[in-house]
């Protein structure tokens, strides 16, 4: 693991060390993963969930948050609240950027 990149290490953990019937708490596993690798991680999380594993994941990744039937909690000034993917700030920022990157860049760089 120490000879791999951070992202490769995260995927190796998911693929080789995590098994069914586990309980896993992950803190931003997407931090070093490209969007394609996040999709691979999500596929593996799904395999493990189908094998009886449960996950608690702190994430900023709309890809990971999109997992079907996941409970999403948003930490806000009003406290911790249940949210839909579309209600999360991370999803909204990413959507707005992808819909109109020039507008978003003009806004933040001016």
C-alpha atoms as a PDB file:
ATOM      1  CA  UNK A   1       0.000   0.000   0.000  1.00  0.00           C
ATOM      2  CA  UNK A   2       2.833   2.412   0.788  1.00  0.00           C
ATOM      3  CA  UNK A   3       4.178   2.044  -2.744  1.00  0.00           C
ATOM      4  CA  UNK A   4       0.898   3.168  -4.317  1.00  0.00           C
ATOM      5  CA  UNK A   5      -0.649   6.584  -4.788  1.00  0.00           C
ATOM      6  CA  UNK A   6      -3.253   7.690  -2.270  1.00  0.00           C
ATOM      7  CA  UNK A   7      -6.064   6.964  -4.745  1.00  0.00           C
ATOM      8  CA  UNK A   8      -4.695   3.535  -5.635  1.00  0.00           C
ATOM      9  CA  UNK A   9      -4.427   2.733  -1.921  1.00  0.00           C
ATOM     10  CA  UNK A  10      -8.083   3.630  -1.337  1.00  0.00           C
ATOM     11  CA  UNK A  11      -9.167   1.402  -4.218  1.00  0.00           C
ATOM     12  CA  UNK A  12      -6.893  -1.410  -3.038  1.00  0.00           C
ATOM     13  CA  UNK A  13      -8.496  -1.250   0.413  1.00  0.00           C
ATOM     14  CA  UNK A  14     -11.969  -1.454  -1.105  1.00  0.00           C
ATOM     15  CA  UNK A  15     -11.051  -4.240  -3.500  1.00  0.00           C
ATOM     16  CA  UNK A  16      -8.691  -6.386  -1.458  1.00  0.00           C
ATOM     17  CA  UNK A  17      -9.224  -5.758   2.247  1.00  0.00           C
ATOM     18  CA  UNK A  18     -12.929  -4.992   2.628  1.00  0.00           C
ATOM     19  CA  UNK A  19     -15.300  -7.944   2.628  1.00  0.00           C
ATOM     20  CA  UNK A  20     -18.965  -8.731   3.012  1.00  0.00           C
ATOM     21  CA  UNK A  21     -20.780  -8.340   6.322  1.00  0.00           C
ATOM     22  CA  UNK A  22     -18.474  -5.487   7.297  1.00  0.00           C
ATOM     23  CA  UNK A  23     -19.137  -2.103   8.845  1.00  0.00           C
ATOM     24  CA  UNK A  24     -16.950   0.599   7.319  1.00  0.00           C
ATOM     25  CA  UNK A  25     -16.536   4.274   8.212  1.00  0.00           C
ATOM     26  CA  UNK A  26     -14.792   6.254   5.484  1.00  0.00           C
ATOM     27  CA  UNK A  27     -13.697   9.890   5.575  1.00  0.00           C
ATOM     28  CA  UNK A  28     -13.645  11.432   2.108  1.00  0.00           C
ATOM     29  CA  UNK A  29     -12.484   8.338   0.225  1.00  0.00           C
ATOM     30  CA  UNK A  30     -12.863  10.292  -3.019  1.00  0.00           C
ATOM     31  CA  UNK A  31     -10.142  12.802  -2.090  1.00  0.00           C
ATOM     32  CA  UNK A  32      -7.517  11.277  -4.393  1.00  0.00           C
ATOM     33  CA  UNK A  33      -9.838   9.606  -6.900  1.00  0.00           C
ATOM     34  CA  UNK A  34     -10.688  10.794 -10.393  1.00  0.00           C
ATOM     35  CA  UNK A  35     -14.364  10.699 -11.351  1.00  0.00           C
ATOM     36  CA  UNK A  36     -13.783   7.373 -13.144  1.00  0.00           C
ATOM     37  CA  UNK A  37     -12.161   5.912 -10.041  1.00  0.00           C
ATOM     38  CA  UNK A  38     -14.989   7.249  -7.886  1.00  0.00           C
ATOM     39  CA  UNK A  39     -17.374   5.276 -10.095  1.00  0.00           C
ATOM     40  CA  UNK A  40     -15.200   2.172  -9.628  1.00  0.00           C
ATOM     41  CA  UNK A  41     -15.240   2.735  -5.858  1.00  0.00           C
ATOM     42  CA  UNK A  42     -19.019   3.134  -5.950  1.00  0.00           C
ATOM     43  CA  UNK A  43     -19.360  -0.141  -7.853  1.00  0.00           C
ATOM     44  CA  UNK A  44     -17.254  -1.907  -5.220  1.00  0.00           C
ATOM     45  CA  UNK A  45     -19.219  -0.311  -2.380  1.00  0.00           C
ATOM     46  CA  UNK A  46     -22.361  -1.638  -4.061  1.00  0.00           C
ATOM     47  CA  UNK A  47     -20.890  -5.156  -4.279  1.00  0.00           C
ATOM     48  CA  UNK A  48     -19.995  -5.027  -0.602  1.00  0.00           C
ATOM     49  CA  UNK A  49     -23.426  -3.667   0.371  1.00  0.00           C
ATOM     50  CA  UNK A  50     -25.038  -6.514  -1.561  1.00  0.00           C
ATOM     51  CA  UNK A  51     -22.832  -8.859   0.500  1.00  0.00           C
ATOM     52  CA  UNK A  52     -24.177  -7.432   3.765  1.00  0.00           C
ATOM     53  CA  UNK A  53     -21.736  -4.597   4.449  1.00  0.00           C
ATOM     54  CA  UNK A  54     -22.778  -1.202   5.746  1.00  0.00           C
ATOM     55  CA  UNK A  55     -21.050   2.110   5.164  1.00  0.00           C
ATOM     56  CA  UNK A  56     -20.919   5.489   6.835  1.00  0.00           C
ATOM     57  CA  UNK A  57     -19.133   7.857   4.472  1.00  0.00           C
ATOM     58  CA  UNK A  58     -18.251  11.524   4.971  1.00  0.00           C
ATOM     59  CA  UNK A  59     -17.966  12.855   1.428  1.00  0.00           C
ATOM     60  CA  UNK A  60     -18.128  15.897  -0.815  1.00  0.00           C
ATOM     61  CA  UNK A  61     -18.568  13.722  -3.899  1.00  0.00           C
ATOM     62  CA  UNK A  62     -21.898  13.947  -5.714  1.00  0.00           C
ATOM     63  CA  UNK A  63     -20.908  10.653  -7.373  1.00  0.00           C
ATOM     64  CA  UNK A  64     -20.712   8.810  -4.052  1.00  0.00           C
ATOM     65  CA  UNK A  65     -23.755  10.648  -2.704  1.00  0.00           C
ATOM     66  CA  UNK A  66     -25.783   9.418  -5.692  1.00  0.00           C
ATOM     67  CA  UNK A  67     -25.791   5.837  -4.382  1.00  0.00           C
ATOM     68  CA  UNK A  68     -29.400   4.620  -4.611  1.00  0.00           C
ATOM     69  CA  UNK A  69     -31.330   4.553  -1.325  1.00  0.00           C
ATOM     70  CA  UNK A  70     -28.458   6.142   0.604  1.00  0.00           C
ATOM     71  CA  UNK A  71     -29.357   8.352   3.541  1.00  0.00           C
ATOM     72  CA  UNK A  72     -27.721  11.737   3.022  1.00  0.00           C
ATOM     73  CA  UNK A  73     -27.201  14.060   5.953  1.00  0.00           C
ATOM     74  CA  UNK A  74     -26.182  17.652   5.446  1.00  0.00           C
ATOM     75  CA  UNK A  75     -24.422  19.577   8.202  1.00  0.00           C
ATOM     76  CA  UNK A  76     -25.830  23.106   8.193  1.00  0.00           C
ATOM     77  CA  UNK A  77     -26.094  26.060  10.552  1.00  0.00           C
ATOM     78  CA  UNK A  78     -29.521  24.691  11.505  1.00  0.00           C
ATOM     79  CA  UNK A  79     -27.948  21.360  12.455  1.00  0.00           C
ATOM     80  CA  UNK A  80     -27.754  17.969  10.810  1.00  0.00           C
ATOM     81  CA  UNK A  81     -30.594  17.428   8.353  1.00  0.00           C
ATOM     82  CA  UNK A  82     -31.675  14.665   6.017  1.00  0.00           C
ATOM     83  CA  UNK A  83     -31.239  15.819   2.393  1.00  0.00           C
ATOM     84  CA  UNK A  84     -31.693  14.651  -1.161  1.00  0.00           C
ATOM     85  CA  UNK A  85     -28.730  14.618  -3.516  1.00  0.00           C
ATOM     86  CA  UNK A  86     -30.091  17.654  -5.356  1.00  0.00           C
ATOM     87  CA  UNK A  87     -30.399  19.602  -2.087  1.00  0.00           C
ATOM     88  CA  UNK A  88     -26.727  19.206  -1.181  1.00  0.00           C
ATOM     89  CA  UNK A  89     -24.448  22.166  -1.724  1.00  0.00           C
ATOM     90  CA  UNK A  90     -21.827  19.922  -3.315  1.00  0.00           C
ATOM     91  CA  UNK A  91     -24.251  18.738  -5.976  1.00  0.00           C
ATOM     92  CA  UNK A  92     -25.519  22.276  -6.661  1.00  0.00           C
ATOM     93  CA  UNK A  93     -22.032  23.744  -7.062  1.00  0.00           C
ATOM     94  CA  UNK A  94     -20.907  20.926  -9.366  1.00  0.00           C
ATOM     95  CA  UNK A  95     -24.118  21.129 -11.430  1.00  0.00           C
ATOM     96  CA  UNK A  96     -23.832  24.908 -11.797  1.00  0.00           C
ATOM     97  CA  UNK A  97     -20.211  24.649 -12.840  1.00  0.00           C
ATOM     98  CA  UNK A  98     -20.847  21.911 -15.411  1.00  0.00           C
ATOM     99  CA  UNK A  99     -23.883  23.682 -16.870  1.00  0.00           C
ATOM    100  CA  UNK A 100     -21.999  26.958 -17.373  1.00  0.00           C
ATOM    101  CA  UNK A 101     -18.299  26.911 -16.442  1.00  0.00           C
ATOM    102  CA  UNK A 102     -17.626  30.326 -17.980  1.00  0.00           C
ATOM    103  CA  UNK A 103     -20.326  31.975 -15.866  1.00  0.00           C
ATOM    104  CA  UNK A 104     -19.034  30.338 -12.692  1.00  0.00           C
ATOM    105  CA  UNK A 105     -15.421  31.276 -13.459  1.00  0.00           C
ATOM    106  CA  UNK A 106     -16.390  34.842 -14.324  1.00  0.00           C
ATOM    107  CA  UNK A 107     -18.223  35.064 -11.002  1.00  0.00           C
ATOM    108  CA  UNK A 108     -15.401  33.787  -8.813  1.00  0.00           C
ATOM    109  CA  UNK A 109     -12.471  35.335 -10.699  1.00  0.00           C
ATOM    110  CA  UNK A 110     -13.812  38.852 -10.993  1.00  0.00           C
END
